[in-house]
N, C-alpha and C. Protein backbone atom coordinates (compact mmCIF):
# COMPACT_ATOMS: atom_id res chain seq x y z
N ALA A 1 -67.18 -73.78 155.42
CA ALA A 1 -67.21 -72.61 154.39
C ALA A 1 -66.11 -73.44 153.46
N GLY A 2 -66.15 -73.25 152.21
CA GLY A 2 -65.29 -73.79 151.20
C GLY A 2 -64.37 -72.92 150.80
N ALA A 3 -63.03 -73.07 150.51
CA ALA A 3 -61.77 -72.08 150.27
C ALA A 3 -62.49 -71.56 149.07
N SER A 4 -62.06 -69.84 149.09
CA SER A 4 -62.64 -69.41 147.99
C SER A 4 -61.81 -69.62 146.90
N THR A 5 -61.98 -69.68 145.42
CA THR A 5 -61.29 -69.81 144.26
C THR A 5 -60.45 -68.68 144.11
N PRO A 6 -59.25 -68.97 143.44
CA PRO A 6 -58.41 -67.80 142.78
C PRO A 6 -59.17 -67.45 141.76
N PRO A 7 -58.74 -65.97 141.35
CA PRO A 7 -59.14 -65.48 140.11
C PRO A 7 -58.65 -66.20 138.92
N LEU A 8 -59.29 -66.00 138.29
CA LEU A 8 -58.82 -66.61 136.92
C LEU A 8 -57.90 -65.32 136.48
N LYS A 9 -56.77 -66.35 135.79
CA LYS A 9 -55.55 -65.43 135.50
C LYS A 9 -54.93 -66.16 134.33
N ILE A 10 -54.33 -65.30 133.33
CA ILE A 10 -53.50 -65.80 132.43
C ILE A 10 -52.00 -65.57 132.67
N GLY A 11 -50.99 -66.05 132.65
CA GLY A 11 -49.61 -65.89 132.90
C GLY A 11 -48.83 -65.64 131.37
N ALA A 12 -47.67 -65.84 132.13
CA ALA A 12 -46.95 -65.40 130.86
C ALA A 12 -46.93 -65.78 129.61
N GLY A 13 -47.46 -67.53 129.43
CA GLY A 13 -47.22 -67.93 128.29
C GLY A 13 -48.97 -67.46 127.40
N GLY A 14 -49.58 -67.37 128.36
CA GLY A 14 -51.18 -66.58 127.77
C GLY A 14 -50.81 -65.03 127.43
N VAL A 15 -49.97 -64.32 128.19
CA VAL A 15 -49.56 -62.82 127.66
C VAL A 15 -48.64 -62.86 126.34
N ALA A 16 -47.79 -63.77 126.28
CA ALA A 16 -47.47 -63.96 124.69
C ALA A 16 -48.41 -64.22 123.60
N HIS A 17 -49.09 -65.42 123.97
CA HIS A 17 -49.88 -65.57 123.02
C HIS A 17 -51.04 -64.25 122.59
N LEU A 18 -51.59 -63.51 123.75
CA LEU A 18 -52.19 -62.32 123.27
C LEU A 18 -51.50 -61.46 122.51
N CYS A 19 -50.17 -61.31 122.95
CA CYS A 19 -49.29 -60.26 122.17
C CYS A 19 -49.29 -60.91 120.31
N ARG A 20 -49.06 -62.16 120.55
CA ARG A 20 -48.98 -62.45 119.26
C ARG A 20 -50.14 -62.44 118.55
N ASP A 21 -51.41 -62.61 118.87
CA ASP A 21 -52.64 -62.71 118.17
C ASP A 21 -52.90 -60.74 118.00
N LEU A 22 -52.32 -60.15 118.59
CA LEU A 22 -52.62 -58.51 118.65
C LEU A 22 -51.49 -58.22 117.81
N GLY A 23 -50.62 -59.19 117.12
CA GLY A 23 -49.58 -58.67 116.18
C GLY A 23 -48.41 -57.55 117.12
N LEU A 24 -48.17 -57.76 118.09
CA LEU A 24 -47.40 -56.76 118.90
C LEU A 24 -46.33 -57.38 119.59
N ASP A 25 -45.13 -56.92 119.52
CA ASP A 25 -43.89 -57.04 120.60
C ASP A 25 -44.60 -57.25 122.02
N PRO A 26 -43.75 -58.16 122.95
CA PRO A 26 -44.43 -57.90 124.16
C PRO A 26 -43.80 -56.59 124.81
N VAL A 27 -42.55 -56.19 124.29
CA VAL A 27 -41.89 -54.80 124.84
C VAL A 27 -42.44 -53.41 124.01
N ASP A 28 -43.27 -53.89 123.48
CA ASP A 28 -44.25 -52.65 122.49
C ASP A 28 -44.79 -51.58 123.52
N ILE A 29 -45.04 -50.42 123.48
CA ILE A 29 -45.32 -49.70 124.21
C ILE A 29 -46.99 -49.95 124.54
N ARG A 30 -47.64 -50.04 123.62
CA ARG A 30 -49.19 -50.48 123.33
C ARG A 30 -49.65 -51.58 124.40
N VAL A 31 -48.77 -52.39 124.49
CA VAL A 31 -48.69 -53.69 125.58
C VAL A 31 -48.67 -53.14 127.09
N LEU A 32 -47.71 -51.92 127.35
CA LEU A 32 -47.66 -51.52 128.44
C LEU A 32 -48.97 -50.58 128.76
N LEU A 33 -49.73 -49.96 127.60
CA LEU A 33 -50.66 -49.24 127.61
C LEU A 33 -52.22 -50.12 127.99
N LEU A 34 -51.98 -51.50 127.58
CA LEU A 34 -52.78 -52.15 128.07
C LEU A 34 -53.07 -52.64 129.46
N ALA A 35 -51.44 -52.83 130.14
CA ALA A 35 -51.37 -53.28 130.99
C ALA A 35 -51.91 -51.98 132.37
N TRP A 36 -51.75 -51.05 131.61
CA TRP A 36 -52.05 -49.77 132.40
C TRP A 36 -53.67 -49.51 132.24
N LEU A 37 -54.29 -50.13 131.37
CA LEU A 37 -55.51 -49.56 131.69
C LEU A 37 -56.50 -50.74 132.23
N CYS A 38 -55.77 -51.89 132.00
CA CYS A 38 -56.30 -53.06 132.84
C CYS A 38 -55.74 -53.00 134.42
N ARG A 39 -54.99 -51.73 134.67
CA ARG A 39 -54.19 -51.70 136.03
C ARG A 39 -53.92 -52.83 136.80
N ALA A 40 -53.23 -53.56 135.64
CA ALA A 40 -52.51 -55.09 135.91
C ALA A 40 -51.40 -54.91 137.50
N ARG A 41 -51.50 -56.08 138.13
CA ARG A 41 -50.64 -55.52 139.19
C ARG A 41 -49.40 -56.40 139.05
N GLU A 42 -49.32 -57.29 137.92
CA GLU A 42 -47.89 -57.84 138.19
C GLU A 42 -47.80 -57.92 136.21
N MET A 43 -46.19 -58.18 136.10
CA MET A 43 -45.82 -58.05 134.82
C MET A 43 -45.90 -59.80 134.20
N CYS A 44 -46.47 -59.46 133.03
CA CYS A 44 -46.62 -61.24 132.33
C CYS A 44 -47.94 -61.82 132.73
N ALA A 45 -48.89 -61.08 133.29
CA ALA A 45 -49.86 -61.96 133.72
C ALA A 45 -51.37 -61.15 133.81
N PHE A 46 -52.57 -61.43 133.52
CA PHE A 46 -53.54 -60.51 133.62
C PHE A 46 -54.31 -61.22 134.72
N THR A 47 -55.42 -60.96 135.52
CA THR A 47 -56.64 -62.00 135.96
C THR A 47 -57.41 -61.42 135.39
N GLU A 48 -58.65 -62.47 135.08
CA GLU A 48 -59.86 -61.56 134.36
C GLU A 48 -60.26 -60.49 134.49
N ALA A 49 -60.69 -60.37 135.99
CA ALA A 49 -61.18 -58.70 136.23
C ALA A 49 -60.56 -57.53 135.85
N GLU A 50 -58.88 -58.06 135.50
CA GLU A 50 -57.95 -56.97 134.83
C GLU A 50 -58.23 -56.73 133.49
N LEU A 51 -58.23 -57.77 132.66
CA LEU A 51 -58.69 -57.96 131.28
C LEU A 51 -59.87 -57.19 131.06
N ARG A 52 -61.04 -57.50 131.90
CA ARG A 52 -62.54 -56.80 131.83
C ARG A 52 -62.27 -55.20 131.71
N ARG A 53 -61.65 -54.93 133.09
CA ARG A 53 -61.37 -53.42 132.90
C ARG A 53 -60.52 -52.93 131.90
N GLY A 54 -59.54 -53.50 131.55
CA GLY A 54 -59.12 -52.85 130.27
C GLY A 54 -59.96 -52.76 129.17
N CYS A 55 -60.58 -54.07 128.82
CA CYS A 55 -61.41 -53.78 127.62
C CYS A 55 -62.88 -52.78 127.88
N ALA A 56 -63.20 -52.46 129.09
CA ALA A 56 -64.14 -51.67 128.91
C ALA A 56 -63.29 -50.33 129.02
N ALA A 57 -62.11 -50.00 129.45
CA ALA A 57 -61.78 -48.83 128.92
C ALA A 57 -61.30 -48.62 127.73
N LEU A 58 -61.25 -49.80 126.61
CA LEU A 58 -60.88 -49.55 125.44
C LEU A 58 -62.29 -49.47 124.57
N ARG A 59 -63.32 -49.92 125.51
CA ARG A 59 -64.97 -49.97 124.74
C ARG A 59 -64.90 -51.01 123.94
N GLN A 60 -64.13 -52.39 124.55
CA GLN A 60 -64.29 -53.11 123.74
C GLN A 60 -64.36 -54.70 124.75
N ALA A 61 -65.63 -54.32 125.48
CA ALA A 61 -66.01 -54.96 126.66
C ALA A 61 -66.89 -56.27 125.89
N GLU A 62 -67.35 -55.89 124.91
CA GLU A 62 -68.74 -57.05 124.05
C GLU A 62 -67.75 -57.70 123.59
N ALA A 63 -67.42 -59.37 123.76
CA ALA A 63 -66.71 -59.90 123.04
C ALA A 63 -65.76 -59.18 121.89
N PRO A 64 -64.36 -58.99 122.75
CA PRO A 64 -63.69 -58.06 121.87
C PRO A 64 -62.93 -59.16 120.97
N THR A 65 -62.30 -58.67 120.01
CA THR A 65 -61.41 -59.41 118.81
C THR A 65 -60.03 -58.98 119.11
N ALA A 66 -59.04 -59.48 118.42
CA ALA A 66 -57.80 -59.05 118.42
C ALA A 66 -57.86 -58.13 117.45
N ASP A 67 -58.41 -58.01 116.36
CA ASP A 67 -58.13 -56.75 115.46
C ASP A 67 -58.83 -55.60 116.60
N GLY A 68 -59.92 -55.64 117.04
CA GLY A 68 -60.66 -54.53 117.84
C GLY A 68 -59.82 -54.00 118.75
N LEU A 69 -59.21 -55.12 119.47
CA LEU A 69 -58.23 -54.55 120.65
C LEU A 69 -56.94 -53.85 120.22
N ARG A 70 -56.42 -54.28 119.08
CA ARG A 70 -55.22 -53.60 118.40
C ARG A 70 -55.47 -52.20 117.93
N ALA A 71 -56.67 -51.98 117.58
CA ALA A 71 -57.31 -50.80 116.71
C ALA A 71 -57.34 -49.85 117.67
N ALA A 72 -58.13 -50.27 118.74
CA ALA A 72 -58.47 -49.53 120.35
C ALA A 72 -57.10 -49.18 120.76
N LEU A 73 -56.13 -49.84 120.92
CA LEU A 73 -54.87 -49.65 121.29
C LEU A 73 -54.39 -48.47 120.71
N ASP A 74 -54.48 -48.84 119.29
CA ASP A 74 -53.73 -47.43 118.53
C ASP A 74 -54.13 -46.33 118.52
N ALA A 75 -55.65 -46.47 118.63
CA ALA A 75 -56.61 -45.02 118.85
C ALA A 75 -56.01 -44.71 120.38
N ARG A 76 -56.13 -45.56 121.44
CA ARG A 76 -55.87 -44.79 122.82
C ARG A 76 -54.30 -44.27 122.69
N LEU A 77 -53.47 -44.63 122.15
CA LEU A 77 -52.24 -44.37 121.74
C LEU A 77 -52.14 -43.15 121.48
N ASP A 78 -52.68 -42.81 120.20
CA ASP A 78 -52.88 -41.61 119.43
C ASP A 78 -53.49 -40.25 120.36
N ALA A 79 -54.53 -41.15 121.03
CA ALA A 79 -55.11 -39.98 121.72
C ALA A 79 -54.77 -39.46 122.88
N MET A 80 -53.18 -39.79 123.20
CA MET A 80 -52.64 -39.67 124.44
C MET A 80 -52.03 -38.26 124.59
N THR A 81 -52.79 -37.33 124.26
CA THR A 81 -52.54 -36.03 124.51
C THR A 81 -53.03 -34.99 125.45
N VAL A 82 -53.20 -35.68 126.34
CA VAL A 82 -53.54 -34.84 127.86
C VAL A 82 -52.21 -35.43 128.95
N ASP A 83 -51.22 -34.57 129.25
CA ASP A 83 -50.57 -34.69 129.87
C ASP A 83 -50.80 -35.47 131.21
N VAL A 84 -52.17 -35.32 132.15
CA VAL A 84 -52.53 -36.06 133.19
C VAL A 84 -52.48 -37.62 132.85
N ALA A 85 -52.93 -37.51 131.49
CA ALA A 85 -53.14 -39.41 131.49
C ALA A 85 -51.57 -39.91 131.46
N PHE A 86 -51.03 -39.17 130.61
CA PHE A 86 -49.29 -39.68 130.78
C PHE A 86 -48.72 -39.80 132.21
N LYS A 87 -48.95 -38.66 132.81
CA LYS A 87 -48.20 -38.75 134.18
C LYS A 87 -48.98 -40.02 134.78
N ASP A 88 -50.32 -40.40 134.71
CA ASP A 88 -50.75 -41.65 135.72
C ASP A 88 -50.28 -42.89 135.12
N LEU A 89 -49.88 -42.86 133.63
CA LEU A 89 -49.08 -44.17 133.36
C LEU A 89 -47.80 -44.06 133.94
N TYR A 90 -47.05 -43.27 133.72
CA TYR A 90 -45.91 -42.70 134.23
C TYR A 90 -45.49 -43.27 135.84
N ARG A 91 -46.65 -42.71 136.67
CA ARG A 91 -46.62 -42.91 137.71
C ARG A 91 -47.13 -44.82 138.46
N TRP A 92 -47.70 -45.09 137.39
CA TRP A 92 -48.20 -46.50 137.55
C TRP A 92 -47.11 -47.55 137.21
N ALA A 93 -46.44 -46.95 136.07
CA ALA A 93 -45.56 -48.07 135.66
C ALA A 93 -44.32 -48.34 136.78
N PHE A 94 -44.22 -47.49 137.73
CA PHE A 94 -43.12 -47.64 138.90
C PHE A 94 -43.44 -48.87 139.27
N ASP A 95 -44.73 -48.98 140.13
CA ASP A 95 -45.28 -49.92 140.77
C ASP A 95 -45.71 -51.10 139.97
N PHE A 96 -45.67 -51.19 138.72
CA PHE A 96 -45.93 -52.47 137.81
C PHE A 96 -44.56 -52.97 137.47
N GLY A 97 -43.16 -52.33 137.64
CA GLY A 97 -42.04 -52.65 137.55
C GLY A 97 -41.37 -53.27 138.97
N LEU A 98 -41.90 -53.21 140.02
CA LEU A 98 -41.39 -53.56 140.93
C LEU A 98 -41.51 -55.12 141.16
N GLU A 99 -40.60 -55.79 141.82
CA GLU A 99 -40.56 -57.12 142.28
C GLU A 99 -41.49 -57.19 143.38
N SER A 100 -42.12 -58.48 143.67
CA SER A 100 -42.65 -58.33 144.65
C SER A 100 -41.78 -58.52 146.03
N GLY A 101 -42.54 -57.41 146.71
CA GLY A 101 -41.46 -57.02 148.14
C GLY A 101 -40.85 -55.97 147.98
N GLN A 102 -40.10 -55.64 146.78
CA GLN A 102 -39.20 -54.39 146.60
C GLN A 102 -39.73 -52.95 146.74
N ARG A 103 -39.09 -52.05 147.45
CA ARG A 103 -39.80 -50.92 147.24
C ARG A 103 -38.91 -50.06 146.41
N THR A 104 -37.74 -50.48 145.31
CA THR A 104 -37.22 -49.87 144.99
C THR A 104 -37.31 -50.53 143.25
N LEU A 105 -37.40 -49.64 142.14
CA LEU A 105 -36.81 -50.90 140.96
C LEU A 105 -35.29 -50.91 140.85
N GLN A 106 -35.38 -52.35 140.07
CA GLN A 106 -33.96 -52.39 139.62
C GLN A 106 -33.57 -51.92 138.39
N LEU A 107 -32.32 -51.44 138.51
CA LEU A 107 -31.82 -50.58 137.71
C LEU A 107 -32.55 -50.77 136.13
N PRO A 108 -31.94 -52.10 135.84
CA PRO A 108 -32.37 -52.56 134.26
C PRO A 108 -34.00 -52.44 134.04
N MET A 109 -34.74 -52.62 135.03
CA MET A 109 -36.01 -52.65 134.98
C MET A 109 -36.66 -51.02 134.60
N ALA A 110 -35.98 -50.20 135.30
CA ALA A 110 -36.28 -48.65 135.34
C ALA A 110 -35.68 -48.29 134.22
N THR A 111 -34.63 -48.53 133.45
CA THR A 111 -34.15 -48.26 132.23
C THR A 111 -35.05 -48.57 131.27
N ASP A 112 -35.33 -49.94 131.15
CA ASP A 112 -36.45 -50.76 130.23
C ASP A 112 -37.46 -49.75 130.33
N LEU A 113 -38.41 -49.36 131.48
CA LEU A 113 -39.47 -48.61 131.40
C LEU A 113 -39.43 -47.37 131.12
N TRP A 114 -38.28 -46.57 131.49
CA TRP A 114 -37.95 -45.13 131.15
C TRP A 114 -38.18 -45.39 129.55
N ALA A 115 -37.16 -46.12 128.84
CA ALA A 115 -37.17 -46.01 127.38
C ALA A 115 -38.42 -46.43 126.94
N LEU A 116 -39.28 -47.25 127.60
CA LEU A 116 -40.49 -47.70 126.92
C LEU A 116 -41.76 -46.63 127.32
N VAL A 117 -42.04 -46.00 128.26
CA VAL A 117 -42.93 -45.26 128.76
C VAL A 117 -42.71 -44.13 128.33
N PHE A 118 -42.05 -43.20 127.71
CA PHE A 118 -41.80 -41.99 127.25
C PHE A 118 -42.28 -42.17 125.66
N GLU A 119 -42.46 -43.39 125.18
CA GLU A 119 -43.24 -43.26 123.81
C GLU A 119 -44.47 -42.88 123.72
N ALA A 120 -45.29 -43.17 124.90
CA ALA A 120 -46.32 -42.79 125.06
C ALA A 120 -46.76 -40.99 125.50
N ARG A 121 -45.89 -40.31 125.60
CA ARG A 121 -45.72 -38.85 126.14
C ARG A 121 -46.03 -38.33 124.82
N PRO A 122 -47.23 -37.38 125.19
CA PRO A 122 -47.97 -36.46 124.25
C PRO A 122 -47.00 -35.58 123.77
N SER A 123 -45.73 -35.22 124.30
CA SER A 123 -44.87 -34.08 123.74
C SER A 123 -43.43 -34.52 123.07
N GLY A 124 -43.43 -36.10 123.14
CA GLY A 124 -42.74 -37.04 122.41
C GLY A 124 -41.60 -37.08 123.30
N VAL A 125 -40.35 -38.07 122.99
CA VAL A 125 -39.47 -38.50 123.90
C VAL A 125 -38.58 -37.44 124.05
N PRO A 126 -38.44 -36.98 125.71
CA PRO A 126 -37.35 -35.89 126.27
C PRO A 126 -36.04 -35.67 125.45
N PRO A 127 -35.30 -34.80 124.95
CA PRO A 127 -33.94 -34.91 124.32
C PRO A 127 -33.08 -35.52 125.38
N LEU A 128 -33.14 -35.42 126.57
CA LEU A 128 -32.00 -35.75 127.97
C LEU A 128 -32.55 -37.35 128.12
N LEU A 129 -33.61 -37.93 127.49
CA LEU A 129 -33.84 -39.37 128.33
C LEU A 129 -32.28 -39.98 127.68
N GLY A 130 -32.19 -40.05 126.57
CA GLY A 130 -31.00 -40.96 125.90
C GLY A 130 -29.82 -40.73 126.66
N ALA A 131 -28.96 -39.23 126.98
CA ALA A 131 -28.16 -39.15 127.95
C ALA A 131 -28.14 -39.90 129.23
N TRP A 132 -29.26 -39.73 130.04
CA TRP A 132 -29.91 -40.32 131.26
C TRP A 132 -29.83 -41.61 131.30
N LEU A 133 -30.29 -42.71 130.21
CA LEU A 133 -30.06 -43.83 130.22
C LEU A 133 -28.62 -44.27 130.16
N THR A 134 -27.81 -43.71 129.26
CA THR A 134 -26.66 -43.88 128.74
C THR A 134 -25.89 -43.95 130.12
N TRP A 135 -25.95 -42.69 130.64
CA TRP A 135 -25.41 -42.51 131.90
C TRP A 135 -25.32 -43.47 132.88
N LEU A 136 -26.69 -43.99 133.20
CA LEU A 136 -27.32 -44.97 134.21
C LEU A 136 -26.83 -46.19 133.72
N GLN A 137 -26.94 -46.62 132.56
CA GLN A 137 -26.45 -48.18 132.01
C GLN A 137 -24.86 -48.30 132.13
N SER A 138 -23.99 -47.04 132.22
CA SER A 138 -22.50 -47.07 132.24
C SER A 138 -22.33 -47.55 133.07
N GLY A 139 -22.98 -47.58 134.18
CA GLY A 139 -22.52 -48.02 135.75
C GLY A 139 -21.69 -46.48 136.64
N ALA A 140 -21.70 -45.55 135.86
CA ALA A 140 -20.75 -44.10 136.46
C ALA A 140 -22.01 -43.96 137.58
N SER A 141 -22.96 -44.14 137.78
CA SER A 141 -24.29 -43.84 138.65
C SER A 141 -23.69 -44.38 140.39
N GLY A 142 -23.24 -45.74 139.65
CA GLY A 142 -23.13 -46.62 140.68
C GLY A 142 -24.33 -47.12 141.69
N VAL A 143 -25.67 -46.62 140.85
CA VAL A 143 -26.68 -47.20 141.99
C VAL A 143 -27.14 -48.74 141.14
N LYS A 144 -27.91 -49.30 142.20
CA LYS A 144 -28.36 -50.47 141.42
C LYS A 144 -30.27 -50.69 141.69
N GLY A 145 -30.37 -49.63 141.99
CA GLY A 145 -32.17 -49.41 141.82
C GLY A 145 -32.29 -48.00 142.17
N VAL A 146 -34.07 -47.57 141.37
CA VAL A 146 -34.22 -46.27 141.59
C VAL A 146 -35.42 -46.38 142.32
N SER A 147 -35.36 -45.45 143.29
CA SER A 147 -36.55 -45.11 144.38
C SER A 147 -37.72 -44.55 143.46
N ARG A 148 -38.63 -44.29 144.25
CA ARG A 148 -39.96 -43.97 143.69
C ARG A 148 -39.85 -42.59 143.76
N ASP A 149 -39.20 -41.88 144.48
CA ASP A 149 -38.79 -40.26 144.66
C ASP A 149 -37.72 -39.99 143.50
N THR A 150 -37.15 -40.66 142.98
CA THR A 150 -36.50 -40.27 141.92
C THR A 150 -37.20 -40.71 140.60
N TRP A 151 -37.92 -41.60 140.46
CA TRP A 151 -38.71 -41.76 139.22
C TRP A 151 -39.58 -40.71 138.99
N ASN A 152 -40.27 -40.40 140.19
CA ASN A 152 -41.04 -39.15 139.95
C ASN A 152 -40.54 -37.84 139.91
N MET A 153 -39.52 -37.76 140.17
CA MET A 153 -38.86 -36.56 140.21
C MET A 153 -38.03 -36.23 138.73
N PHE A 154 -37.91 -37.29 138.35
CA PHE A 154 -37.37 -37.32 137.10
C PHE A 154 -38.10 -36.84 136.01
N LEU A 155 -39.36 -36.97 136.23
CA LEU A 155 -40.61 -36.47 135.27
C LEU A 155 -40.41 -34.99 135.40
N THR A 156 -40.30 -34.54 136.49
CA THR A 156 -40.27 -33.02 136.86
C THR A 156 -39.00 -32.63 136.25
N PHE A 157 -37.97 -33.05 136.32
CA PHE A 157 -36.70 -32.66 135.76
C PHE A 157 -36.85 -32.64 134.22
N ILE A 158 -37.18 -33.67 133.85
CA ILE A 158 -36.90 -33.20 132.20
C ILE A 158 -38.23 -32.45 131.89
N ASP A 159 -39.43 -32.16 132.59
CA ASP A 159 -40.15 -31.03 132.25
C ASP A 159 -39.78 -29.61 132.56
N THR A 160 -38.74 -29.52 133.40
CA THR A 160 -38.28 -28.32 133.85
C THR A 160 -36.86 -27.77 133.36
N CYS A 161 -36.08 -28.47 133.02
CA CYS A 161 -34.87 -28.37 132.62
C CYS A 161 -34.64 -28.12 131.25
N GLY A 162 -35.66 -28.23 130.40
CA GLY A 162 -35.27 -28.59 128.80
C GLY A 162 -34.45 -29.32 128.26
N SER A 163 -34.16 -29.14 127.03
CA SER A 163 -33.20 -30.14 126.62
C SER A 163 -31.64 -29.81 126.58
N ASP A 164 -31.31 -28.77 127.44
CA ASP A 164 -29.66 -28.64 127.58
C ASP A 164 -28.94 -28.19 129.03
N LEU A 165 -30.10 -28.81 129.94
CA LEU A 165 -29.95 -28.09 131.36
C LEU A 165 -29.75 -26.95 131.43
N SER A 166 -30.52 -25.96 130.50
CA SER A 166 -29.76 -24.78 130.77
C SER A 166 -30.73 -24.45 132.13
N ALA A 167 -32.10 -24.65 132.03
CA ALA A 167 -32.91 -24.04 133.45
C ALA A 167 -32.57 -25.34 134.79
N TYR A 168 -31.43 -25.87 134.63
CA TYR A 168 -31.39 -26.61 135.92
C TYR A 168 -30.86 -25.73 137.10
N ASP A 169 -31.23 -25.84 137.99
CA ASP A 169 -31.27 -25.10 139.08
C ASP A 169 -30.94 -25.86 140.50
N HIS A 170 -29.28 -25.94 140.72
CA HIS A 170 -28.85 -25.89 141.73
C HIS A 170 -29.68 -26.29 143.20
N ASN A 171 -29.90 -25.10 143.31
CA ASN A 171 -30.43 -24.96 144.51
C ASN A 171 -32.06 -25.85 144.94
N GLU A 172 -32.59 -26.26 143.59
CA GLU A 172 -33.75 -26.98 144.04
C GLU A 172 -33.59 -28.40 144.50
N ALA A 173 -34.50 -28.84 145.34
CA ALA A 173 -34.30 -30.64 146.21
C ALA A 173 -34.42 -31.51 145.03
N TRP A 174 -33.34 -31.62 144.38
CA TRP A 174 -33.19 -32.76 143.30
C TRP A 174 -32.89 -34.20 144.15
N PRO A 175 -33.31 -35.24 143.63
CA PRO A 175 -32.61 -36.12 144.36
C PRO A 175 -30.96 -36.53 143.75
N SER A 176 -30.58 -36.69 144.86
CA SER A 176 -28.87 -37.07 144.75
C SER A 176 -28.44 -37.71 143.06
N LEU A 177 -29.24 -38.50 142.69
CA LEU A 177 -28.91 -39.31 141.45
C LEU A 177 -29.04 -38.14 140.43
N ILE A 178 -30.14 -37.58 140.36
CA ILE A 178 -30.06 -36.37 139.28
C ILE A 178 -29.26 -35.31 139.17
N ASP A 179 -28.91 -35.02 140.61
CA ASP A 179 -27.67 -34.08 140.59
C ASP A 179 -26.43 -34.51 140.14
N ASP A 180 -26.06 -35.61 140.38
CA ASP A 180 -25.05 -36.58 140.04
C ASP A 180 -25.10 -36.66 138.45
N PHE A 181 -26.06 -36.80 137.86
CA PHE A 181 -26.28 -37.02 136.10
C PHE A 181 -26.14 -35.53 135.56
N VAL A 182 -26.44 -34.44 136.31
CA VAL A 182 -26.36 -33.36 135.61
C VAL A 182 -24.72 -32.82 135.91
N GLU A 183 -23.82 -33.00 136.87
CA GLU A 183 -22.73 -32.77 137.20
C GLU A 183 -21.97 -33.67 135.93
N ALA A 184 -22.40 -34.77 135.62
CA ALA A 184 -21.45 -35.79 134.98
C ALA A 184 -21.70 -35.26 133.66
N GLU A 185 -22.82 -34.51 133.26
CA GLU A 185 -23.30 -34.20 131.67
C GLU A 185 -22.70 -32.62 131.83
N THR A 186 -22.64 -31.91 132.46
CA THR A 186 -21.66 -30.61 132.76
C THR A 186 -19.87 -30.94 132.25
N ASP A 187 -19.61 -31.97 133.23
CA ASP A 187 -18.32 -32.09 132.93
C ASP A 187 -17.86 -32.71 131.58
N ARG A 188 -18.97 -33.65 131.06
CA ARG A 188 -18.73 -34.23 129.49
C ARG A 188 -19.01 -32.74 128.50
N ALA A 189 -19.88 -32.21 129.03
CA ALA A 189 -20.06 -30.92 128.01
C ALA A 189 -18.77 -30.06 128.00
N ASN A 190 -18.17 -29.79 128.95
CA ASN A 190 -17.15 -28.81 129.00
C ASN A 190 -16.18 -29.88 128.65
N GLN A 191 -15.39 -30.89 128.57
CA GLN A 191 -14.43 -31.69 128.15
C GLN A 191 -14.90 -31.70 126.52
N ASN A 192 -16.17 -31.78 125.92
CA ASN A 192 -16.10 -31.50 124.40
C ASN A 192 -15.74 -30.24 124.14
N LEU A 193 -16.00 -29.06 124.89
CA LEU A 193 -15.63 -27.96 124.54
C LEU A 193 -13.95 -27.59 124.39
N LEU A 194 -13.29 -28.60 125.66
CA LEU A 194 -11.75 -28.13 125.32
C LEU A 194 -11.25 -29.13 124.39
N ASN A 195 -11.94 -30.19 123.79
CA ASN A 195 -11.39 -30.99 122.86
C ASN A 195 -11.35 -30.02 121.31
N CYS A 196 -12.34 -29.26 121.41
CA CYS A 196 -12.50 -28.30 120.26
C CYS A 196 -11.13 -28.03 119.80
């Protein structure tokens, strides 16, 4: 019996070439959307099967062209009006960003993915996202990685707490990172009031 042949795959150079052909920056939300539709298992790489799956999802399975794929990705992003689809993209993004063998997202990857994935959210980028990312990137949180639970609960948190944290309930079972953020934001708001 012969050894099985590995699946055909394009790596980082091929993905960069694909992005150029599509006229997209590699960190464009439409590239993440394509990876989600392909159900890609790793960043900067697609197997032939993954690309076929993505093209089929975009109805571009028959001899796709760069213009056809770009138009289909634009249309798919514009049609992202169902929260269920966004939630699936959001949850998938966590696994997509994981390094091999890791169970938590490295903080820089998590913040980059949060900034990117919310561009596809039907209701728009949440008002608290900027403060959340700034707080995480400042090092005030002291964390190096984000757990799956925190990743998933952050979506619930922003849907529940509104733009000003007025609906935040301290008695809810939020991950400690979210509790720490709310405390920091509350302290910052109180300090701003004192300085007025």
